[in-house]
Amino acid sequence: MPYTLIKGTFHIFYPLSPSSGPEPDGDTIKFKPTNKQLIERLPRANMPAQFNQAGITSIRFEGMDALETHFEVEGDRYNQKIDLALQARDVLLAKMGFGHIEYFPNSFKVSSVENHPIPGYILSNGLDTYGRTIAFVFTGDHPAVDGSSIFVTPQMLDSSLNIFMLQQGQAYPAFYLSLPAELRDHLEEIVAAVRTAATGLCAEDTANPTTIAHVPDSTVLQQLVMWPKLFRRLAAYFPSNTGLAGFDTWMRADQRNRDDRLILPNRELGNMHDILSVTAGDNIQLKYLPEDVVIVPDDFQLPAPTPTPAPQPEIHAGTVRIIAALINPAHIPETNYENVTLLNTTDAEIDLNGWFIADANGKQALHGSIARGETMRVWLSSAVQLSNKRDTITVLDAEEKIIDQVVYESRNLPAEGHTMVF
């Protein structure tokens, strides 16, 4: 499955309003993409991505789940073994390159920080139900063009912060169905090595297949180390319940917010209650390790059967090429006079309905088709206004995968009114 490369900067501090800033933890970070539309175009099942006025959004680390520093239930906040939860946060931020950090008293908000923001990039294949971008996170730069569609191999992930946190034993695995099996297997091998060494969280892990956790109330719960997904269910249960006798019934009553669907180790579809064992005396444990199950998103639906479509040429990168563009027409205003020329490189007609042409700030729907070996001139509307300084022109298919992409700068532009050939 391809991931979208999105470049930008990581933020943990808002200089103009520090007390309104983020509360960084061990598995989320704020990110300001260079091109906001790259996140807006990611596949989403429910809510769109949310940005503040500065263009900053939330990134949730793919494949991992750190201890909770401030989980909110009905207006109250719960933490999960707070010393280890804060340790995970601090290890992550130090690895990212942030310098000395000060926090407001009795708060998780940053009052000052050295080395901020940190440049980096993410690889993402979509948003979660809450509009958060799920991604593999990296500092530094990537040689590919921003917005490129990249087929991620396991080895590409070894420099990610996700892998680092799992290797350090600072986070639990949390594998969702959207994570390709090849990448999931790679992360599982890393987690297995950490478990063998019994380092990090593994040394204090409870409620697992070999250790029973005694959890009579939320006070005891907050002193224990356990899979954060189980912790969050218990934290939400205790405000209106006493002891664990009713926990199984409470879980089953809400399949969306409590009794998550899972793919079990035997590859059957089950629910959260299927991997839990609750016994007398307020004792609980997992029947399987977290890395042995796959979490099915709430919004996942089995695809409905569709009629066999008419034969179409195989669409892949380079099928349609951007070969020329009139970027600086001899007309003011330039709107509706700029154009891009596309070439069909295949031996069959390509239907462009549902496709898009985009630049760094907007996108425009394409219509019609290009005959085999023929060209099409696309006249640009106000939705796509090519910059005379620098810009990126992209052709996206109906699934918004990049088919072709070119970049240019002012020093390369031909004279006004002349067409640039790529």
Protein backbone atom coordinates (compact mmCIF):
# COMPACT_ATOMS: atom_id res chain seq x y z
CA MET A 1 0.00 0.00 0.00
CA PRO A 2 1.45 3.41 -0.94
CA TYR A 3 2.04 6.07 1.69
CA THR A 4 2.08 9.81 1.03
CA LEU A 5 5.29 11.68 1.86
CA ILE A 6 4.45 14.91 3.68
CA LYS A 7 7.18 17.33 4.76
CA GLY A 8 6.96 19.98 7.45
CA THR A 9 7.95 20.84 11.02
CA PHE A 10 7.13 19.33 14.43
CA HIS A 11 5.83 21.63 17.19
CA ILE A 12 5.39 21.26 20.97
CA PHE A 13 5.19 24.96 21.85
CA TYR A 14 3.10 27.92 20.66
CA PRO A 15 5.29 31.02 21.20
CA LEU A 16 2.42 33.50 20.90
CA SER A 17 0.22 31.61 23.36
CA PRO A 18 2.22 29.04 25.36
CA SER A 19 -0.58 28.32 27.85
CA SER A 20 -2.82 27.33 24.93
CA GLY A 21 -0.19 25.07 23.41
CA PRO A 22 -0.13 21.30 22.98
CA GLU A 23 0.48 18.66 25.63
CA PRO A 24 3.02 16.33 23.99
CA ASP A 25 3.12 12.70 25.04
CA GLY A 26 4.79 9.49 23.94
CA ASP A 27 2.78 8.78 20.79
CA THR A 28 1.39 12.06 19.43
CA ILE A 29 3.01 15.21 18.10
CA LYS A 30 1.86 18.42 16.45
CA PHE A 31 2.91 18.92 12.83
CA LYS A 32 2.80 21.83 10.42
CA PRO A 33 2.88 20.47 6.84
CA THR A 34 4.58 22.56 4.19
CA ASN A 35 1.59 21.79 1.97
CA LYS A 36 -1.59 21.54 4.05
CA GLN A 37 -3.55 20.01 1.18
CA LEU A 38 -1.47 16.84 1.24
CA ILE A 39 -3.05 15.96 4.60
CA GLU A 40 -6.48 17.16 3.49
CA ARG A 41 -6.31 14.74 0.53
CA LEU A 42 -5.48 11.68 2.65
CA PRO A 43 -8.15 8.96 2.78
CA ARG A 44 -10.52 9.46 5.70
CA ALA A 45 -13.47 7.50 6.99
CA ASN A 46 -15.16 10.15 9.08
CA MET A 47 -13.83 13.51 10.25
CA PRO A 48 -11.44 15.65 8.19
CA ALA A 49 -8.11 16.71 9.62
CA GLN A 50 -8.30 19.67 12.01
CA PHE A 51 -5.80 22.55 11.76
CA ASN A 52 -5.29 25.54 14.01
CA GLN A 53 -4.87 29.05 12.60
CA ALA A 54 -1.16 28.45 12.13
CA GLY A 55 -1.83 25.37 9.98
CA ILE A 56 -0.76 22.87 12.66
CA THR A 57 -2.47 19.48 13.05
CA SER A 58 -2.14 16.34 15.21
CA ILE A 59 -0.11 13.28 14.24
CA ARG A 60 -0.78 9.90 15.86
CA PHE A 61 2.13 7.46 15.60
CA GLU A 62 1.33 4.36 13.54
CA GLY A 63 1.78 0.92 15.12
CA MET A 64 2.41 2.00 18.72
CA ASP A 65 0.59 3.13 21.86
CA ALA A 66 2.38 4.87 24.73
CA LEU A 67 1.22 5.10 28.34
CA GLU A 68 -1.39 7.79 28.96
CA THR A 69 -0.24 11.02 30.59
CA HIS A 70 -3.69 12.66 30.66
CA PHE A 71 -6.64 10.55 29.52
CA GLU A 72 -9.90 12.43 30.00
CA VAL A 73 -13.16 10.79 31.14
CA GLU A 74 -16.23 12.92 31.88
CA GLY A 75 -14.10 15.97 32.61
CA ASP A 76 -11.64 14.14 34.89
CA ARG A 77 -8.09 13.24 33.88
CA TYR A 78 -6.43 9.89 34.46
CA ASN A 79 -2.81 8.98 34.04
CA GLN A 80 -1.15 5.62 33.57
CA LYS A 81 1.93 5.04 35.77
CA ILE A 82 2.78 8.70 35.38
CA ASP A 83 6.54 8.41 35.88
CA LEU A 84 6.85 5.95 32.98
CA ALA A 85 4.32 7.85 30.85
CA LEU A 86 6.37 11.03 31.21
CA GLN A 87 9.56 9.09 30.59
CA ALA A 88 8.19 7.96 27.21
CA ARG A 89 7.33 11.56 26.35
CA ASP A 90 10.78 12.79 27.34
CA VAL A 91 12.61 10.01 25.46
CA LEU A 92 10.62 10.78 22.30
CA LEU A 93 11.14 14.55 22.41
CA ALA A 94 14.87 14.19 23.12
CA LYS A 95 15.26 11.78 20.18
CA MET A 96 13.44 14.24 17.92
CA GLY A 97 16.04 16.88 18.73
CA PHE A 98 14.18 19.28 21.01
CA GLY A 99 16.49 20.88 23.56
CA HIS A 100 15.79 21.77 27.20
CA ILE A 101 12.04 21.87 27.88
CA GLU A 102 10.23 23.66 30.70
CA TYR A 103 6.60 22.94 31.56
CA PHE A 104 4.06 25.09 33.35
CA PRO A 105 3.58 24.08 37.03
CA ASN A 106 1.17 21.16 37.44
CA SER A 107 0.69 21.06 33.67
CA PHE A 108 1.76 19.11 30.60
CA LYS A 109 1.95 22.29 28.48
CA VAL A 110 5.35 23.60 27.44
CA SER A 111 6.35 27.03 28.77
CA SER A 112 9.70 27.16 26.94
CA VAL A 113 11.84 24.94 24.72
CA GLU A 114 15.18 25.06 22.94
CA ASN A 115 15.56 23.92 19.29
CA HIS A 116 12.02 24.51 18.10
CA PRO A 117 10.41 23.63 15.74
CA ILE A 118 12.08 20.47 14.41
CA PRO A 119 12.07 19.84 10.62
CA GLY A 120 10.91 16.42 9.48
CA TYR A 121 8.39 14.44 7.52
CA ILE A 122 5.69 11.81 7.86
CA LEU A 123 4.56 8.84 5.78
CA SER A 124 0.80 8.39 6.04
CA ASN A 125 -1.93 6.36 4.35
CA GLY A 126 -4.90 8.05 6.00
CA LEU A 127 -6.74 9.63 8.91
CA ASP A 128 -8.36 7.86 11.85
CA THR A 129 -12.02 8.19 12.86
CA TYR A 130 -11.25 11.36 14.83
CA GLY A 131 -9.46 13.14 11.97
CA ARG A 132 -5.96 12.55 13.31
CA THR A 133 -3.25 11.76 10.78
CA ILE A 134 -1.85 8.27 11.39
CA ALA A 135 1.77 8.16 10.31
CA PHE A 136 5.31 6.92 10.53
CA VAL A 137 7.31 9.89 11.81
CA PHE A 138 10.84 10.94 10.84
CA THR A 139 13.11 13.90 11.53
CA GLY A 140 15.35 15.39 8.84
CA ASP A 141 14.59 15.43 5.11
CA HIS A 142 13.57 12.92 2.46
CA PRO A 143 15.04 13.07 -1.06
CA ALA A 144 11.67 12.61 -2.82
CA VAL A 145 9.38 15.50 -3.76
CA ASP A 146 6.86 16.55 -1.13
CA GLY A 147 3.57 14.73 -1.77
CA SER A 148 5.16 11.76 -3.52
CA SER A 149 3.43 8.41 -3.29
CA ILE A 150 5.90 5.92 -1.79
CA PHE A 151 5.62 2.16 -1.44
CA VAL A 152 7.04 1.66 2.03
CA THR A 153 9.26 -1.35 2.73
CA PRO A 154 10.04 -2.62 6.24
CA GLN A 155 13.62 -1.36 6.01
CA MET A 156 12.42 2.19 5.34
CA LEU A 157 10.84 2.24 8.79
CA ASP A 158 14.01 1.50 10.73
CA SER A 159 14.88 5.20 10.98
CA SER A 160 11.37 6.15 12.09
CA LEU A 161 10.57 7.36 15.59
CA ASN A 162 7.87 4.67 15.74
CA ILE A 163 10.48 1.93 15.51
CA PHE A 164 12.74 3.75 17.96
CA MET A 165 10.03 3.93 20.64
CA LEU A 166 9.17 0.24 20.24
CA GLN A 167 12.85 -0.75 20.34
CA GLN A 168 13.38 1.26 23.51
CA GLY A 169 10.42 -0.46 25.16
CA GLN A 170 8.74 2.93 25.63
CA ALA A 171 5.49 1.98 23.90
CA TYR A 172 3.17 -0.97 23.35
CA PRO A 173 2.33 -2.26 19.88
CA ALA A 174 -1.07 -1.34 18.45
CA PHE A 175 -1.61 -2.79 15.00
CA TYR A 176 -4.63 -1.59 13.03
CA LEU A 177 -6.04 -3.20 9.90
CA SER A 178 -4.80 -0.25 7.82
CA LEU A 179 -1.19 -1.26 8.55
CA PRO A 180 0.07 -3.50 5.70
CA ALA A 181 0.85 -7.06 6.80
CA GLU A 182 4.51 -6.86 5.70
CA LEU A 183 5.09 -3.80 7.88
CA ARG A 184 3.13 -5.32 10.75
CA ASP A 185 5.32 -8.43 10.67
CA HIS A 186 8.42 -6.23 10.85
CA LEU A 187 7.13 -4.34 13.89
CA GLU A 188 6.11 -7.61 15.53
CA GLU A 189 9.68 -8.93 15.21
CA ILE A 190 10.99 -5.82 16.94
CA VAL A 191 8.46 -6.14 19.77
CA ALA A 192 9.34 -9.83 20.19
CA ALA A 193 13.02 -8.95 20.64
CA VAL A 194 12.15 -6.37 23.29
CA ARG A 195 9.97 -8.88 25.15
CA THR A 196 12.78 -11.43 25.09
CA ALA A 197 15.14 -8.89 26.61
CA ALA A 198 12.44 -7.84 29.12
CA THR A 199 13.40 -4.19 28.76
CA GLY A 200 11.35 -1.02 29.12
CA LEU A 201 7.65 -1.47 29.77
CA CYS A 202 7.95 -5.25 29.41
CA ALA A 203 9.68 -5.38 32.81
CA GLU A 204 6.58 -3.97 34.55
CA ASP A 205 3.81 -5.12 32.22
CA THR A 206 0.67 -6.50 33.90
CA ALA A 207 -2.65 -7.93 32.71
CA ASN A 208 -0.88 -10.05 30.10
CA PRO A 209 -1.20 -13.80 29.33
CA THR A 210 1.21 -14.69 32.14
CA THR A 211 0.48 -11.95 34.70
CA ILE A 212 -2.83 -11.20 36.39
CA ALA A 213 -3.60 -7.60 37.35
CA HIS A 214 -5.62 -6.86 40.47
CA VAL A 215 -7.67 -3.74 39.62
CA PRO A 216 -10.33 -2.94 42.24
CA ASP A 217 -10.62 0.77 41.37
CA SER A 218 -9.23 3.64 39.31
CA THR A 219 -6.64 4.58 41.97
CA VAL A 220 -4.94 1.19 41.69
CA LEU A 221 -5.42 1.24 37.90
CA GLN A 222 -3.29 4.37 37.56
CA GLN A 223 -0.34 2.68 39.30
CA LEU A 224 -0.23 -0.26 36.89
CA VAL A 225 1.49 -0.75 33.53
CA MET A 226 -0.77 -2.40 30.96
CA TRP A 227 -1.79 -2.15 27.32
CA PRO A 228 -3.13 1.42 26.99
CA LYS A 229 -6.20 0.27 25.05
CA LEU A 230 -7.24 -1.84 28.06
CA PHE A 231 -6.35 0.99 30.46
CA ARG A 232 -8.63 3.40 28.59
CA ARG A 233 -11.56 0.98 28.80
CA LEU A 234 -11.05 0.50 32.55
CA ALA A 235 -10.63 4.25 33.15
CA ALA A 236 -13.96 4.86 31.41
CA TYR A 237 -15.64 2.03 33.37
CA PHE A 238 -14.75 2.92 36.96
CA PRO A 239 -16.43 6.35 37.34
CA SER A 240 -19.86 4.68 37.37
CA ASN A 241 -18.95 1.14 38.49
CA THR A 242 -17.36 -0.58 41.49
CA GLY A 243 -15.13 -3.63 41.06
CA LEU A 244 -14.74 -5.64 37.86
CA ALA A 245 -17.78 -7.91 38.21
CA GLY A 246 -19.76 -5.91 35.64
CA PHE A 247 -16.89 -5.07 33.29
CA ASP A 248 -17.60 -7.75 30.68
CA THR A 249 -21.27 -6.76 30.42
CA TRP A 250 -20.33 -3.07 30.26
CA MET A 251 -17.86 -3.77 27.45
CA ARG A 252 -20.32 -5.73 25.31
CA ALA A 253 -22.96 -2.99 25.58
CA ASP A 254 -21.06 -0.69 23.21
CA GLN A 255 -19.22 -2.30 20.31
CA ARG A 256 -18.09 1.03 18.84
CA ASN A 257 -16.50 2.78 21.83
CA ARG A 258 -15.69 -0.15 24.12
CA ASP A 259 -15.83 -3.62 22.60
CA ASP A 260 -13.59 -3.01 19.61
CA ARG A 261 -13.58 -5.47 16.75
CA LEU A 262 -10.35 -7.45 16.48
CA ILE A 263 -8.81 -10.06 14.24
CA LEU A 264 -7.79 -12.78 16.67
CA PRO A 265 -4.63 -14.91 16.40
CA ASN A 266 -6.70 -17.68 14.74
CA ARG A 267 -7.63 -15.06 12.06
CA GLU A 268 -11.27 -15.03 13.11
CA LEU A 269 -13.11 -11.76 13.67
CA GLY A 270 -13.80 -11.16 17.35
CA ASN A 271 -14.17 -8.36 19.88
CA MET A 272 -12.23 -6.89 22.76
CA HIS A 273 -14.11 -9.06 25.27
CA ASP A 274 -12.79 -12.17 23.48
CA ILE A 275 -9.20 -11.42 24.53
CA LEU A 276 -9.97 -10.59 28.19
CA SER A 277 -10.31 -12.85 31.20
CA VAL A 278 -11.99 -11.32 34.27
CA THR A 279 -12.07 -13.46 37.40
CA ALA A 280 -13.34 -13.11 40.94
CA GLY A 281 -11.49 -10.72 43.20
CA ASP A 282 -11.27 -7.92 40.58
CA ASN A 283 -8.57 -9.67 38.59
CA ILE A 284 -8.06 -9.23 34.85
CA GLN A 285 -5.61 -10.32 32.17
CA LEU A 286 -5.22 -10.48 28.40
CA LYS A 287 -5.43 -13.90 26.79
CA TYR A 288 -3.10 -12.79 23.98
CA LEU A 289 -0.28 -10.31 23.64
CA PRO A 290 -1.24 -6.98 22.00
CA GLU A 291 0.96 -7.70 18.98
CA ASP A 292 -0.94 -10.93 18.31
CA VAL A 293 -4.22 -9.16 17.48
CA VAL A 294 -5.17 -6.67 14.76
CA ILE A 295 -7.57 -3.86 15.60
CA VAL A 296 -10.38 -3.32 13.10
CA PRO A 297 -11.35 0.37 12.80
CA ASP A 298 -14.93 1.28 13.77
CA ASP A 299 -15.62 2.58 10.29
CA PHE A 300 -14.30 -0.46 8.42
CA GLN A 301 -16.83 -2.11 6.14
CA LEU A 302 -16.37 -5.19 4.00
CA PRO A 303 -16.38 -4.03 0.39
CA ALA A 304 -19.62 -4.73 -1.48
CA PRO A 305 -19.33 -6.82 -4.64
CA THR A 306 -19.14 -4.65 -7.76
CA PRO A 307 -19.80 -5.49 -11.41
CA THR A 308 -16.78 -6.34 -13.50
CA PRO A 309 -15.70 -3.09 -15.16
CA ALA A 310 -14.86 -2.77 -18.80
CA PRO A 311 -11.18 -3.41 -19.55
CA GLN A 312 -9.05 -0.35 -18.84
CA PRO A 313 -5.33 0.25 -19.26
CA GLU A 314 -3.35 -0.37 -16.10
CA ILE A 315 -3.03 2.99 -14.35
CA HIS A 316 0.23 3.66 -12.56
CA ALA A 317 2.75 6.45 -12.13
CA GLY A 318 3.72 7.81 -15.54
CA THR A 319 0.63 6.55 -17.37
CA VAL A 320 -0.35 10.17 -17.93
CA ARG A 321 2.55 12.62 -18.11
CA ILE A 322 2.70 16.38 -17.65
CA ILE A 323 4.70 17.48 -20.70
CA ALA A 324 4.18 21.25 -20.79
CA ALA A 325 2.56 24.20 -19.03
CA LEU A 326 1.84 27.85 -19.78
CA ILE A 327 2.75 29.26 -16.37
CA ASN A 328 3.11 32.97 -17.11
CA PRO A 329 0.63 33.90 -19.86
CA ALA A 330 0.83 37.35 -21.46
CA HIS A 331 -2.53 38.31 -20.02
CA ILE A 332 -3.70 40.04 -16.84
CA PRO A 333 -5.31 38.56 -14.87
CA GLU A 334 -3.75 35.16 -15.60
CA THR A 335 -6.78 33.18 -14.34
CA ASN A 336 -8.30 30.97 -17.06
CA TYR A 337 -5.29 31.59 -19.34
CA GLU A 338 -2.83 29.26 -17.62
CA ASN A 339 -2.86 25.70 -18.94
CA VAL A 340 -1.17 22.32 -18.57
CA THR A 341 -0.68 19.77 -21.35
CA LEU A 342 -1.08 16.07 -20.54
CA LEU A 343 0.07 13.08 -22.59
CA ASN A 344 -1.48 9.59 -22.58
CA THR A 345 1.53 7.27 -22.80
CA THR A 346 -0.52 4.06 -23.19
CA ASP A 347 -2.10 2.31 -26.18
CA ALA A 348 -5.65 2.69 -24.83
CA GLU A 349 -8.01 5.56 -24.05
CA ILE A 350 -7.86 6.81 -20.43
CA ASP A 351 -10.95 8.18 -18.70
CA LEU A 352 -9.97 11.22 -16.61
CA ASN A 353 -13.34 11.76 -14.94
CA GLY A 354 -12.77 11.85 -11.19
CA TRP A 355 -9.09 12.74 -11.61
CA PHE A 356 -7.51 16.02 -10.47
CA ILE A 357 -4.77 18.40 -11.41
CA ALA A 358 -3.24 20.23 -8.45
CA ASP A 359 -0.56 22.68 -7.45
CA ALA A 360 0.77 23.55 -3.98
CA ASN A 361 -2.38 25.49 -3.04
CA GLY A 362 -5.35 23.97 -4.82
CA LYS A 363 -6.77 21.29 -7.07
CA GLN A 364 -9.14 21.17 -10.02
CA ALA A 365 -11.30 18.28 -11.25
CA LEU A 366 -10.49 16.80 -14.65
CA HIS A 367 -13.12 15.71 -17.16
CA GLY A 368 -13.22 13.75 -20.39
CA SER A 369 -10.70 11.27 -21.70
CA ILE A 370 -7.42 11.17 -23.61
CA ALA A 371 -7.15 8.89 -26.63
CA ARG A 372 -4.17 6.56 -26.81
CA GLY A 373 -0.93 8.42 -27.50
CA GLU A 374 -2.77 11.75 -27.62
CA THR A 375 -2.47 14.95 -25.60
CA MET A 376 -5.00 17.10 -23.76
CA ARG A 377 -4.65 20.76 -22.85
CA VAL A 378 -6.21 21.53 -19.48
CA TRP A 379 -7.19 25.16 -18.92
CA LEU A 380 -6.78 26.08 -15.27
CA SER A 381 -9.49 27.79 -13.27
CA SER A 382 -9.05 29.97 -10.18
CA ALA A 383 -8.78 26.74 -8.12
CA VAL A 384 -5.25 26.17 -9.46
CA GLN A 385 -3.18 29.32 -9.96
CA LEU A 386 0.41 28.53 -10.90
CA SER A 387 3.02 30.60 -9.09
CA ASN A 388 5.58 32.47 -11.19
CA LYS A 389 8.20 31.88 -8.46
CA ARG A 390 8.04 28.15 -7.77
CA ASP A 391 5.35 25.48 -7.70
CA THR A 392 4.55 21.77 -7.97
CA ILE A 393 2.09 20.49 -10.58
CA THR A 394 0.53 17.09 -9.85
CA VAL A 395 -1.86 14.76 -11.67
CA LEU A 396 -3.93 12.62 -9.27
CA ASP A 397 -6.12 9.70 -10.22
CA ALA A 398 -9.62 9.05 -8.82
CA GLU A 399 -8.09 7.60 -5.64
CA GLU A 400 -5.87 10.70 -5.39
CA LYS A 401 -2.71 8.73 -6.03
CA ILE A 402 0.06 10.66 -7.74
CA ILE A 403 0.28 9.73 -11.43
CA ASP A 404 2.78 12.40 -12.42
CA GLN A 405 4.39 15.40 -10.76
CA VAL A 406 6.73 18.16 -11.90
CA VAL A 407 8.35 21.06 -10.08
CA TYR A 408 9.77 24.33 -11.33
CA GLU A 409 11.40 27.54 -10.09
CA SER A 410 11.47 31.08 -11.49
CA ARG A 411 15.03 30.67 -12.81
CA ASN A 412 13.78 27.94 -15.16
CA LEU A 413 10.75 29.77 -16.53
CA PRO A 414 10.69 30.82 -20.19
CA ALA A 415 9.72 34.34 -21.20
CA GLU A 416 6.22 35.66 -20.52
CA GLY A 417 3.67 34.05 -22.81
CA HIS A 418 5.93 31.09 -23.66
CA THR A 419 5.13 27.50 -22.75
CA MET A 420 7.48 25.56 -20.47
CA VAL A 421 8.30 22.01 -21.62
CA PHE A 422 9.04 19.35 -18.97
